[in-house]
């Protein structure tokens, strides 16, 4: 594998790693369905401390999944690339297929 190919796969892995946490998946879904949210709102919804939520948001921002905007002392986040929901829909399809396979094994 050449360096350019490796760099492309490495960039993909960074995005997948950013999504690979239940809290970050929740944040993505929340922003997709309810629109822009400030860190304080997300902190309340998640039930974690602000520094933890901010770390999750920083990872998502670093991967290019969310974008932020400052308004006074508050930082608001929005989903930058809604196409990430297509990937999450694919994940749901895999989960359903796995459940069907498990169900078939139990019969």
PDB file of N, CA and C in Angstrom:
ATOM      1  N   UNK A   1       0.862  -1.170   0.000  1.00  0.00           N
ATOM      2  CA  UNK A   1       0.000   0.000   0.000  1.00  0.00           C
ATOM      3  C   UNK A   1       0.908   1.233   0.000  1.00  0.00           C
ATOM      4  N   UNK A   2       0.627   2.148  -0.913  1.00  0.00           N
ATOM      5  CA  UNK A   2       1.447   3.356  -0.976  1.00  0.00           C
ATOM      6  C   UNK A   2       1.007   4.367   0.091  1.00  0.00           C
ATOM      7  N   UNK A   3       1.810   5.397   0.269  1.00  0.00           N
ATOM      8  CA  UNK A   3       1.568   6.389   1.327  1.00  0.00           C
ATOM      9  C   UNK A   3       0.247   7.128   1.144  1.00  0.00           C
ATOM     10  N   UNK A   4      -0.102   7.434  -0.088  1.00  0.00           N
ATOM     11  CA  UNK A   4      -1.347   8.160  -0.345  1.00  0.00           C
ATOM     12  C   UNK A   4      -2.567   7.302   0.007  1.00  0.00           C
ATOM     13  N   UNK A   5      -2.522   6.037  -0.361  1.00  0.00           N
ATOM     14  CA  UNK A   5      -3.611   5.115  -0.032  1.00  0.00           C
ATOM     15  C   UNK A   5      -3.722   4.949   1.481  1.00  0.00           C
ATOM     16  N   UNK A   6      -2.576   4.780   2.133  1.00  0.00           N
ATOM     17  CA  UNK A   6      -2.588   4.649   3.586  1.00  0.00           C
ATOM     18  C   UNK A   6      -3.174   5.896   4.241  1.00  0.00           C
ATOM     19  N   UNK A   7      -2.796   7.072   3.760  1.00  0.00           N
ATOM     20  CA  UNK A   7      -3.299   8.326   4.326  1.00  0.00           C
ATOM     21  C   UNK A   7      -4.815   8.426   4.181  1.00  0.00           C
ATOM     22  N   UNK A   8      -5.346   7.969   3.049  1.00  0.00           N
ATOM     23  CA  UNK A   8      -6.793   8.000   2.835  1.00  0.00           C
ATOM     24  C   UNK A   8      -7.508   7.074   3.826  1.00  0.00           C
ATOM     25  N   UNK A   9      -6.981   5.859   4.005  1.00  0.00           N
ATOM     26  CA  UNK A   9      -7.582   4.925   4.954  1.00  0.00           C
ATOM     27  C   UNK A   9      -7.426   5.412   6.390  1.00  0.00           C
ATOM     28  N   UNK A  10      -6.306   6.038   6.683  1.00  0.00           N
ATOM     29  CA  UNK A  10      -6.092   6.600   8.015  1.00  0.00           C
ATOM     30  C   UNK A  10      -7.104   7.708   8.303  1.00  0.00           C
ATOM     31  N   UNK A  11      -7.379   8.543   7.308  1.00  0.00           N
ATOM     32  CA  UNK A  11      -8.376   9.614   7.475  1.00  0.00           C
ATOM     33  C   UNK A  11      -9.766   9.028   7.697  1.00  0.00           C
ATOM     34  N   UNK A  12     -10.079   7.967   6.980  1.00  0.00           N
ATOM     35  CA  UNK A  12     -11.377   7.287   7.182  1.00  0.00           C
ATOM     36  C   UNK A  12     -11.472   6.723   8.593  1.00  0.00           C
ATOM     37  N   UNK A  13     -10.395   6.104   9.048  1.00  0.00           N
ATOM     38  CA  UNK A  13     -10.392   5.515  10.391  1.00  0.00           C
ATOM     39  C   UNK A  13     -10.604   6.589  11.461  1.00  0.00           C
ATOM     40  N   UNK A  14     -10.044   7.769  11.255  1.00  0.00           N
ATOM     41  CA  UNK A  14     -10.226   8.872  12.211  1.00  0.00           C
ATOM     42  C   UNK A  14     -11.708   9.231  12.347  1.00  0.00           C
ATOM     43  N   UNK A  15     -12.408   9.256  11.226  1.00  0.00           N
ATOM     44  CA  UNK A  15     -13.840   9.565  11.255  1.00  0.00           C
ATOM     45  C   UNK A  15     -14.605   8.460  11.965  1.00  0.00           C
ATOM     46  N   UNK A  16     -14.295   7.215  11.640  1.00  0.00           N
ATOM     47  CA  UNK A  16     -14.982   6.098  12.290  1.00  0.00           C
ATOM     48  C   UNK A  16     -14.695   6.057  13.790  1.00  0.00           C
ATOM     49  N   UNK A  17     -13.455   6.350  14.181  1.00  0.00           N
ATOM     50  CA  UNK A  17     -13.114   6.391  15.605  1.00  0.00           C
ATOM     51  C   UNK A  17     -13.899   7.481  16.321  1.00  0.00           C
ATOM     52  N   UNK A  18     -14.087   8.614  15.654  1.00  0.00           N
ATOM     53  CA  UNK A  18     -14.843   9.706  16.271  1.00  0.00           C
ATOM     54  C   UNK A  18     -16.289   9.295  16.521  1.00  0.00           C
ATOM     55  N   UNK A  19     -16.825   8.431  15.698  1.00  0.00           N
ATOM     56  CA  UNK A  19     -18.208   7.975  15.871  1.00  0.00           C
ATOM     57  C   UNK A  19     -18.319   6.781  16.818  1.00  0.00           C
ATOM     58  N   UNK A  20     -17.203   6.178  17.174  1.00  0.00           N
ATOM     59  CA  UNK A  20     -17.203   4.914  17.900  1.00  0.00           C
ATOM     60  C   UNK A  20     -17.377   5.082  19.404  1.00  0.00           C
ATOM     61  N   UNK A  21     -18.395   5.812  19.794  1.00  0.00           N
ATOM     62  CA  UNK A  21     -18.722   5.944  21.216  1.00  0.00           C
ATOM     63  C   UNK A  21     -20.214   6.255  21.330  1.00  0.00           C
ATOM     64  N   UNK A  22     -20.923   5.593  22.246  1.00  0.00           N
ATOM     65  CA  UNK A  22     -22.368   5.821  22.363  1.00  0.00           C
ATOM     66  C   UNK A  22     -22.752   7.287  22.581  1.00  0.00           C
ATOM     67  N   UNK A  23     -21.994   8.005  23.364  1.00  0.00           N
ATOM     68  CA  UNK A  23     -22.320   9.409  23.621  1.00  0.00           C
ATOM     69  C   UNK A  23     -22.166  10.242  22.351  1.00  0.00           C
ATOM     70  N   UNK A  24     -21.126   9.973  21.585  1.00  0.00           N
ATOM     71  CA  UNK A  24     -20.929  10.740  20.361  1.00  0.00           C
ATOM     72  C   UNK A  24     -21.996  10.394  19.326  1.00  0.00           C
ATOM     73  N   UNK A  25     -22.417   9.141  19.277  1.00  0.00           N
ATOM     74  CA  UNK A  25     -23.523   8.782  18.386  1.00  0.00           C
ATOM     75  C   UNK A  25     -24.804   9.498  18.813  1.00  0.00           C
ATOM     76  N   UNK A  26     -25.034   9.582  20.119  1.00  0.00           N
ATOM     77  CA  UNK A  26     -26.203  10.310  20.623  1.00  0.00           C
ATOM     78  C   UNK A  26     -26.135  11.776  20.201  1.00  0.00           C
ATOM     79  N   UNK A  27     -24.983  12.388  20.335  1.00  0.00           N
ATOM     80  CA  UNK A  27     -24.810  13.795  19.956  1.00  0.00           C
ATOM     81  C   UNK A  27     -25.130  13.987  18.477  1.00  0.00           C
ATOM     82  N   UNK A  28     -24.611  13.119  17.634  1.00  0.00           N
ATOM     83  CA  UNK A  28     -24.859  13.221  16.188  1.00  0.00           C
ATOM     84  C   UNK A  28     -26.353  13.129  15.904  1.00  0.00           C
ATOM     85  N   UNK A  29     -27.020  12.159  16.505  1.00  0.00           N
ATOM     86  CA  UNK A  29     -28.468  11.998  16.290  1.00  0.00           C
ATOM     87  C   UNK A  29     -29.240  13.200  16.827  1.00  0.00           C
ATOM     88  N   UNK A  30     -28.847  13.696  17.972  1.00  0.00           N
ATOM     89  CA  UNK A  30     -29.514  14.860  18.569  1.00  0.00           C
ATOM     90  C   UNK A  30     -29.389  16.076  17.660  1.00  0.00           C
ATOM     91  N   UNK A  31     -28.205  16.322  17.160  1.00  0.00           N
ATOM     92  CA  UNK A  31     -27.998  17.462  16.263  1.00  0.00           C
ATOM     93  C   UNK A  31     -28.736  17.271  14.939  1.00  0.00           C
ATOM     94  N   UNK A  32     -28.811  16.038  14.479  1.00  0.00           N
ATOM     95  CA  UNK A  32     -29.502  15.761  13.216  1.00  0.00           C
ATOM     96  C   UNK A  32     -31.004  15.995  13.337  1.00  0.00           C
ATOM     97  N   UNK A  33     -31.570  15.589  14.450  1.00  0.00           N
ATOM     98  CA  UNK A  33     -33.030  15.640  14.594  1.00  0.00           C
ATOM     99  C   UNK A  33     -33.543  16.929  15.218  1.00  0.00           C
ATOM    100  N   UNK A  34     -32.733  17.554  16.039  1.00  0.00           N
ATOM    101  CA  UNK A  34     -33.212  18.756  16.726  1.00  0.00           C
ATOM    102  C   UNK A  34     -32.446  20.017  16.352  1.00  0.00           C
ATOM    103  N   UNK A  35     -31.440  19.882  15.522  1.00  0.00           N
ATOM    104  CA  UNK A  35     -30.699  21.050  15.069  1.00  0.00           C
ATOM    105  C   UNK A  35     -29.627  21.486  16.053  1.00  0.00           C
ATOM    106  N   UNK A  36     -29.148  22.684  15.825  1.00  0.00           N
ATOM    107  CA  UNK A  36     -28.042  23.239  16.611  1.00  0.00           C
ATOM    108  C   UNK A  36     -28.344  23.233  18.109  1.00  0.00           C
ATOM    109  N   UNK A  37     -27.321  22.898  18.882  1.00  0.00           N
ATOM    110  CA  UNK A  37     -27.449  22.852  20.348  1.00  0.00           C
ATOM    111  C   UNK A  37     -26.208  23.451  20.985  1.00  0.00           C
ATOM    112  N   UNK A  38     -26.395  24.104  22.115  1.00  0.00           N
ATOM    113  CA  UNK A  38     -25.237  24.596  22.853  1.00  0.00           C
ATOM    114  C   UNK A  38     -24.697  23.471  23.748  1.00  0.00           C
ATOM    115  N   UNK A  39     -23.460  23.612  24.147  1.00  0.00           N
ATOM    116  CA  UNK A  39     -22.823  22.601  24.994  1.00  0.00           C
ATOM    117  C   UNK A  39     -23.638  22.382  26.266  1.00  0.00           C
ATOM    118  N   UNK A  40     -24.179  23.461  26.831  1.00  0.00           N
ATOM    119  CA  UNK A  40     -24.946  23.328  28.074  1.00  0.00           C
ATOM    120  C   UNK A  40     -26.186  22.454  27.876  1.00  0.00           C
ATOM    121  N   UNK A  41     -26.858  22.577  26.734  1.00  0.00           N
ATOM    122  CA  UNK A  41     -28.029  21.732  26.464  1.00  0.00           C
ATOM    123  C   UNK A  41     -27.620  20.274  26.307  1.00  0.00           C
ATOM    124  N   UNK A  42     -26.548  20.037  25.571  1.00  0.00           N
ATOM    125  CA  UNK A  42     -26.084  18.665  25.366  1.00  0.00           C
ATOM    126  C   UNK A  42     -25.634  18.046  26.686  1.00  0.00           C
ATOM    127  N   UNK A  43     -24.978  18.846  27.514  1.00  0.00           N
ATOM    128  CA  UNK A  43     -24.528  18.359  28.825  1.00  0.00           C
ATOM    129  C   UNK A  43     -25.713  17.898  29.660  1.00  0.00           C
ATOM    130  N   UNK A  44     -26.772  18.679  29.637  1.00  0.00           N
ATOM    131  CA  UNK A  44     -27.977  18.320  30.398  1.00  0.00           C
ATOM    132  C   UNK A  44     -28.624  17.052  29.847  1.00  0.00           C
ATOM    133  N   UNK A  45     -28.716  16.944  28.525  1.00  0.00           N
ATOM    134  CA  UNK A  45     -29.328  15.762  27.902  1.00  0.00           C
ATOM    135  C   UNK A  45     -28.524  14.495  28.175  1.00  0.00           C
ATOM    136  N   UNK A  46     -27.217  14.615  28.131  1.00  0.00           N
ATOM    137  CA  UNK A  46     -26.349  13.447  28.289  1.00  0.00           C
ATOM    138  C   UNK A  46     -26.195  13.061  29.753  1.00  0.00           C
ATOM    139  N   UNK A  47     -26.226  14.055  30.625  1.00  0.00           N
ATOM    140  CA  UNK A  47     -26.080  13.771  32.048  1.00  0.00           C
ATOM    141  C   UNK A  47     -24.637  13.569  32.467  1.00  0.00           C
ATOM    142  N   UNK A  48     -23.726  14.191  31.731  1.00  0.00           N
ATOM    143  CA  UNK A  48     -22.296  14.116  32.069  1.00  0.00           C
ATOM    144  C   UNK A  48     -21.817  15.525  32.365  1.00  0.00           C
ATOM    145  N   UNK A  49     -20.600  15.635  32.878  1.00  0.00           N
ATOM    146  CA  UNK A  49     -20.070  16.967  33.155  1.00  0.00           C
ATOM    147  C   UNK A  49     -19.663  17.648  31.854  1.00  0.00           C
ATOM    148  N   UNK A  50     -19.591  18.955  31.898  1.00  0.00           N
ATOM    149  CA  UNK A  50     -19.342  19.747  30.691  1.00  0.00           C
ATOM    150  C   UNK A  50     -18.001  19.416  30.042  1.00  0.00           C
ATOM    151  N   UNK A  51     -16.980  19.128  30.845  1.00  0.00           N
ATOM    152  CA  UNK A  51     -15.672  18.828  30.252  1.00  0.00           C
ATOM    153  C   UNK A  51     -15.712  17.535  29.441  1.00  0.00           C
ATOM    154  N   UNK A  52     -16.458  16.546  29.901  1.00  0.00           N
ATOM    155  CA  UNK A  52     -16.590  15.285  29.170  1.00  0.00           C
ATOM    156  C   UNK A  52     -17.319  15.499  27.852  1.00  0.00           C
ATOM    157  N   UNK A  53     -18.424  16.232  27.901  1.00  0.00           N
ATOM    158  CA  UNK A  53     -19.198  16.505  26.687  1.00  0.00           C
ATOM    159  C   UNK A  53     -18.348  17.332  25.715  1.00  0.00           C
ATOM    160  N   UNK A  54     -17.609  18.291  26.225  1.00  0.00           N
ATOM    161  CA  UNK A  54     -16.746  19.115  25.378  1.00  0.00           C
ATOM    162  C   UNK A  54     -15.676  18.276  24.696  1.00  0.00           C
ATOM    163  N   UNK A  55     -15.136  17.280  25.385  1.00  0.00           N
ATOM    164  CA  UNK A  55     -14.139  16.384  24.784  1.00  0.00           C
ATOM    165  C   UNK A  55     -14.762  15.587  23.634  1.00  0.00           C
ATOM    166  N   UNK A  56     -15.979  15.075  23.861  1.00  0.00           N
ATOM    167  CA  UNK A  56     -16.677  14.339  22.797  1.00  0.00           C
ATOM    168  C   UNK A  56     -16.902  15.247  21.585  1.00  0.00           C
ATOM    169  N   UNK A  57     -17.357  16.459  21.838  1.00  0.00           N
ATOM    170  CA  UNK A  57     -17.606  17.406  20.750  1.00  0.00           C
ATOM    171  C   UNK A  57     -16.315  17.769  20.023  1.00  0.00           C
ATOM    172  N   UNK A  58     -15.228  17.884  20.755  1.00  0.00           N
ATOM    173  CA  UNK A  58     -13.940  18.198  20.154  1.00  0.00           C
ATOM    174  C   UNK A  58     -13.494  17.095  19.195  1.00  0.00           C
ATOM    175  N   UNK A  59     -13.706  15.842  19.580  1.00  0.00           N
ATOM    176  CA  UNK A  59     -13.367  14.723  18.701  1.00  0.00           C
ATOM    177  C   UNK A  59     -14.218  14.742  17.438  1.00  0.00           C
ATOM    178  N   UNK A  60     -15.513  15.006  17.595  1.00  0.00           N
ATOM    179  CA  UNK A  60     -16.409  15.076  16.440  1.00  0.00           C
ATOM    180  C   UNK A  60     -16.036  16.249  15.530  1.00  0.00           C
ATOM    181  N   UNK A  61     -15.676  17.362  16.133  1.00  0.00           N
ATOM    182  CA  UNK A  61     -15.268  18.541  15.353  1.00  0.00           C
ATOM    183  C   UNK A  61     -13.950  18.251  14.626  1.00  0.00           C
ATOM    184  N   UNK A  62     -13.011  17.627  15.309  1.00  0.00           N
ATOM    185  CA  UNK A  62     -11.728  17.297  14.697  1.00  0.00           C
ATOM    186  C   UNK A  62     -11.855  16.355  13.510  1.00  0.00           C
ATOM    187  N   UNK A  63     -12.883  15.511  13.543  1.00  0.00           N
ATOM    188  CA  UNK A  63     -13.125  14.584  12.434  1.00  0.00           C
ATOM    189  C   UNK A  63     -13.945  15.229  11.329  1.00  0.00           C
ATOM    190  N   UNK A  64     -14.422  16.458  11.554  1.00  0.00           N
ATOM    191  CA  UNK A  64     -15.195  17.162  10.536  1.00  0.00           C
ATOM    192  C   UNK A  64     -16.666  16.811  10.512  1.00  0.00           C
ATOM    193  N   UNK A  65     -17.156  16.176  11.557  1.00  0.00           N
ATOM    194  CA  UNK A  65     -18.551  15.739  11.604  1.00  0.00           C
ATOM    195  C   UNK A  65     -19.470  16.852  12.101  1.00  0.00           C
ATOM    196  N   UNK A  66     -18.983  17.632  13.063  1.00  0.00           N
ATOM    197  CA  UNK A  66     -19.764  18.768  13.567  1.00  0.00           C
ATOM    198  C   UNK A  66     -18.970  20.058  13.379  1.00  0.00           C
ATOM    199  N   UNK A  67     -19.699  21.162  13.394  1.00  0.00           N
ATOM    200  CA  UNK A  67     -19.089  22.490  13.329  1.00  0.00           C
ATOM    201  C   UNK A  67     -19.592  23.273  14.526  1.00  0.00           C
ATOM    202  N   UNK A  68     -18.819  24.248  14.949  1.00  0.00           N
ATOM    203  CA  UNK A  68     -19.232  25.043  16.101  1.00  0.00           C
ATOM    204  C   UNK A  68     -19.299  26.516  15.750  1.00  0.00           C
ATOM    205  N   UNK A  69     -20.024  27.243  16.588  1.00  0.00           N
ATOM    206  CA  UNK A  69     -20.131  28.687  16.456  1.00  0.00           C
ATOM    207  C   UNK A  69     -20.252  29.247  17.859  1.00  0.00           C
ATOM    208  N   UNK A  70     -19.495  30.291  18.122  1.00  0.00           N
ATOM    209  CA  UNK A  70     -19.525  30.917  19.443  1.00  0.00           C
ATOM    210  C   UNK A  70     -20.532  32.050  19.435  1.00  0.00           C
ATOM    211  N   UNK A  71     -21.290  32.109  20.517  1.00  0.00           N
ATOM    212  CA  UNK A  71     -22.246  33.180  20.718  1.00  0.00           C
ATOM    213  C   UNK A  71     -22.072  33.642  22.167  1.00  0.00           C
ATOM    214  N   UNK A  72     -21.325  34.706  22.337  1.00  0.00           N
ATOM    215  CA  UNK A  72     -20.993  35.151  23.680  1.00  0.00           C
ATOM    216  C   UNK A  72     -20.120  34.116  24.357  1.00  0.00           C
ATOM    217  N   UNK A  73     -20.544  33.698  25.544  1.00  0.00           N
ATOM    218  CA  UNK A  73     -19.784  32.702  26.295  1.00  0.00           C
ATOM    219  C   UNK A  73     -20.166  31.278  25.911  1.00  0.00           C
ATOM    220  N   UNK A  74     -21.218  31.116  25.113  1.00  0.00           N
ATOM    221  CA  UNK A  74     -21.695  29.782  24.754  1.00  0.00           C
ATOM    222  C   UNK A  74     -21.154  29.345  23.400  1.00  0.00           C
ATOM    223  N   UNK A  75     -20.983  28.031  23.265  1.00  0.00           N
ATOM    224  CA  UNK A  75     -20.579  27.441  22.000  1.00  0.00           C
ATOM    225  C   UNK A  75     -21.727  26.550  21.540  1.00  0.00           C
ATOM    226  N   UNK A  76     -22.143  26.769  20.302  1.00  0.00           N
ATOM    227  CA  UNK A  76     -23.236  25.993  19.711  1.00  0.00           C
ATOM    228  C   UNK A  76     -22.663  25.062  18.659  1.00  0.00           C
ATOM    229  N   UNK A  77     -23.205  23.858  18.594  1.00  0.00           N
ATOM    230  CA  UNK A  77     -22.745  22.861  17.637  1.00  0.00           C
ATOM    231  C   UNK A  77     -23.878  22.467  16.710  1.00  0.00           C
ATOM    232  N   UNK A  78     -23.483  22.158  15.476  1.00  0.00           N
ATOM    233  CA  UNK A  78     -24.438  21.663  14.490  1.00  0.00           C
ATOM    234  C   UNK A  78     -23.769  20.546  13.698  1.00  0.00           C
ATOM    235  N   UNK A  79     -24.594  19.714  13.108  1.00  0.00           N
ATOM    236  CA  UNK A  79     -24.084  18.645  12.258  1.00  0.00           C
ATOM    237  C   UNK A  79     -23.561  19.278  10.972  1.00  0.00           C
ATOM    238  N   UNK A  80     -22.316  19.047  10.669  1.00  0.00           N
ATOM    239  CA  UNK A  80     -21.680  19.651   9.497  1.00  0.00           C
ATOM    240  C   UNK A  80     -21.974  18.857   8.231  1.00  0.00           C
ATOM    241  N   UNK A  81     -22.060  17.552   8.358  1.00  0.00           N
ATOM    242  CA  UNK A  81     -22.271  16.678   7.201  1.00  0.00           C
ATOM    243  C   UNK A  81     -23.414  15.694   7.489  1.00  0.00           C
ATOM    244  N   UNK A  82     -24.634  16.062   7.112  1.00  0.00           N
ATOM    245  CA  UNK A  82     -25.779  15.191   7.378  1.00  0.00           C
ATOM    246  C   UNK A  82     -25.672  13.803   6.741  1.00  0.00           C
ATOM    247  N   UNK A  83     -24.796  13.638   5.746  1.00  0.00           N
ATOM    248  CA  UNK A  83     -24.651  12.329   5.112  1.00  0.00           C
ATOM    249  C   UNK A  83     -24.156  11.264   6.094  1.00  0.00           C
ATOM    250  N   UNK A  84     -23.614  11.681   7.234  1.00  0.00           N
ATOM    251  CA  UNK A  84     -23.179  10.703   8.238  1.00  0.00           C
ATOM    252  C   UNK A  84     -24.378   9.856   8.698  1.00  0.00           C
ATOM    253  N   UNK A  85     -25.575  10.399   8.578  1.00  0.00           N
ATOM    254  CA  UNK A  85     -26.782   9.649   8.943  1.00  0.00           C
ATOM    255  C   UNK A  85     -26.999   8.468   8.010  1.00  0.00           C
ATOM    256  N   UNK A  86     -26.546   8.575   6.750  1.00  0.00           N
ATOM    257  CA  UNK A  86     -26.637   7.444   5.826  1.00  0.00           C
ATOM    258  C   UNK A  86     -25.808   6.282   6.348  1.00  0.00           C
ATOM    259  N   UNK A  87     -24.629   6.592   6.854  1.00  0.00           N
ATOM    260  CA  UNK A  87     -23.770   5.555   7.429  1.00  0.00           C
ATOM    261  C   UNK A  87     -24.442   4.925   8.640  1.00  0.00           C
ATOM    262  N   UNK A  88     -25.036   5.756   9.507  1.00  0.00           N
ATOM    263  CA  UNK A  88     -25.705   5.232  10.699  1.00  0.00           C
ATOM    264  C   UNK A  88     -26.906   4.376  10.311  1.00  0.00           C
ATOM    265  N   UNK A  89     -27.579   4.724   9.239  1.00  0.00           N
ATOM    266  CA  UNK A  89     -28.683   3.908   8.733  1.00  0.00           C
ATOM    267  C   UNK A  89     -28.161   2.550   8.278  1.00  0.00           C
ATOM    268  N   UNK A  90     -27.005   2.541   7.654  1.00  0.00           N
ATOM    269  CA  UNK A  90     -26.377   1.286   7.243  1.00  0.00           C
ATOM    270  C   UNK A  90     -26.038   0.430   8.465  1.00  0.00           C
ATOM    271  N   UNK A  91     -25.542   1.065   9.517  1.00  0.00           N
ATOM    272  CA  UNK A  91     -25.233   0.345  10.753  1.00  0.00           C
ATOM    273  C   UNK A  91     -26.501  -0.315  11.304  1.00  0.00           C
ATOM    274  N   UNK A  92     -27.619   0.401  11.274  1.00  0.00           N
ATOM    275  CA  UNK A  92     -28.897  -0.166  11.728  1.00  0.00           C
ATOM    276  C   UNK A  92     -29.285  -1.383  10.887  1.00  0.00           C
ATOM    277  N   UNK A  93     -29.038  -1.328   9.589  1.00  0.00           N
ATOM    278  CA  UNK A  93     -29.338  -2.459   8.708  1.00  0.00           C
ATOM    279  C   UNK A  93     -28.489  -3.672   9.086  1.00  0.00           C
ATOM    280  N   UNK A  94     -27.229  -3.437   9.395  1.00  0.00           N
ATOM    281  CA  UNK A  94     -26.352  -4.532   9.834  1.00  0.00           C
ATOM    282  C   UNK A  94     -26.865  -5.118  11.149  1.00  0.00           C
ATOM    283  N   UNK A  95     -27.280  -4.265  12.074  1.00  0.00           N
ATOM    284  CA  UNK A  95     -27.825  -4.744  13.350  1.00  0.00           C
ATOM    285  C   UNK A  95     -29.062  -5.617  13.134  1.00  0.00           C
ATOM    286  N   UNK A  96     -29.933  -5.192  12.239  1.00  0.00           N
ATOM    287  CA  UNK A  96     -31.134  -5.975  11.949  1.00  0.00           C
ATOM    288  C   UNK A  96     -30.785  -7.323  11.322  1.00  0.00           C
ATOM    289  N   UNK A  97     -29.838  -7.313  10.400  1.00  0.00           N
ATOM    290  CA  UNK A  97     -29.415  -8.566   9.765  1.00  0.00           C
ATOM    291  C   UNK A  97     -28.797  -9.502  10.800  1.00  0.00           C
ATOM    292  N   UNK A  98     -27.999  -8.959  11.705  1.00  0.00           N
ATOM    293  CA  UNK A  98     -27.401  -9.781  12.763  1.00  0.00           C
ATOM    294  C   UNK A  98     -28.474 -10.364  13.677  1.00  0.00           C
ATOM    295  N   UNK A  99     -29.470  -9.558  14.015  1.00  0.00           N
ATOM    296  CA  UNK A  99     -30.554 -10.037  14.878  1.00  0.00           C
ATOM    297  C   UNK A  99     -31.335 -11.141  14.189  1.00  0.00           C
ATOM    298  N   UNK A 100     -31.584 -10.993  12.900  1.00  0.00           N
ATOM    299  CA  UNK A 100     -32.300 -12.031  12.157  1.00  0.00           C
ATOM    300  C   UNK A 100     -31.492 -13.312  12.106  1.00  0.00           C
ATOM    301  N   UNK A 101     -30.186 -13.195  11.940  1.00  0.00           N
ATOM    302  CA  UNK A 101     -29.332 -14.370  11.901  1.00  0.00           C
ATOM    303  C   UNK A 101     -29.347 -15.079  13.264  1.00  0.00           C
ATOM    304  N   UNK A 102     -29.259 -14.311  14.346  1.00  0.00           N
ATOM    305  CA  UNK A 102     -29.319 -14.904  15.685  1.00  0.00           C
ATOM    306  C   UNK A 102     -30.655 -15.577  15.935  1.00  0.00           C
ATOM    307  N   UNK A 103     -31.715 -14.938  15.485  1.00  0.00           N
ATOM    308  CA  UNK A 103     -33.062 -15.507  15.656  1.00  0.00           C
ATOM    309  C   UNK A 103     -33.179 -16.836  14.897  1.00  0.00           C
ATOM    310  N   UNK A 104     -32.624 -16.889  13.691  1.00  0.00           N
ATOM    311  CA  UNK A 104     -32.664 -18.105  12.898  1.00  0.00           C
ATOM    312  C   UNK A 104     -31.884 -19.234  13.575  1.00  0.00           C
ATOM    313  N   UNK A 105     -30.799 -18.900  14.226  1.00  0.00           N
ATOM    314  CA  UNK A 105     -30.006 -19.911  14.924  1.00  0.00           C
ATOM    315  C   UNK A 105     -30.751 -20.487  16.122  1.00  0.00           C
ATOM    316  N   UNK A 106     -31.619 -19.673  16.734  1.00  0.00           N
ATOM    317  CA  UNK A 106     -32.362 -20.119  17.900  1.00  0.00           C
ATOM    318  C   UNK A 106     -33.574 -20.981  17.546  1.00  0.00           C
ATOM    319  N   UNK A 107     -33.980 -20.933  16.301  1.00  0.00           N
ATOM    320  CA  UNK A 107     -35.156 -21.719  15.888  1.00  0.00           C
ATOM    321  C   UNK A 107     -34.842 -23.172  15.671  1.00  0.00           C
TER     322      UNK A 107
END
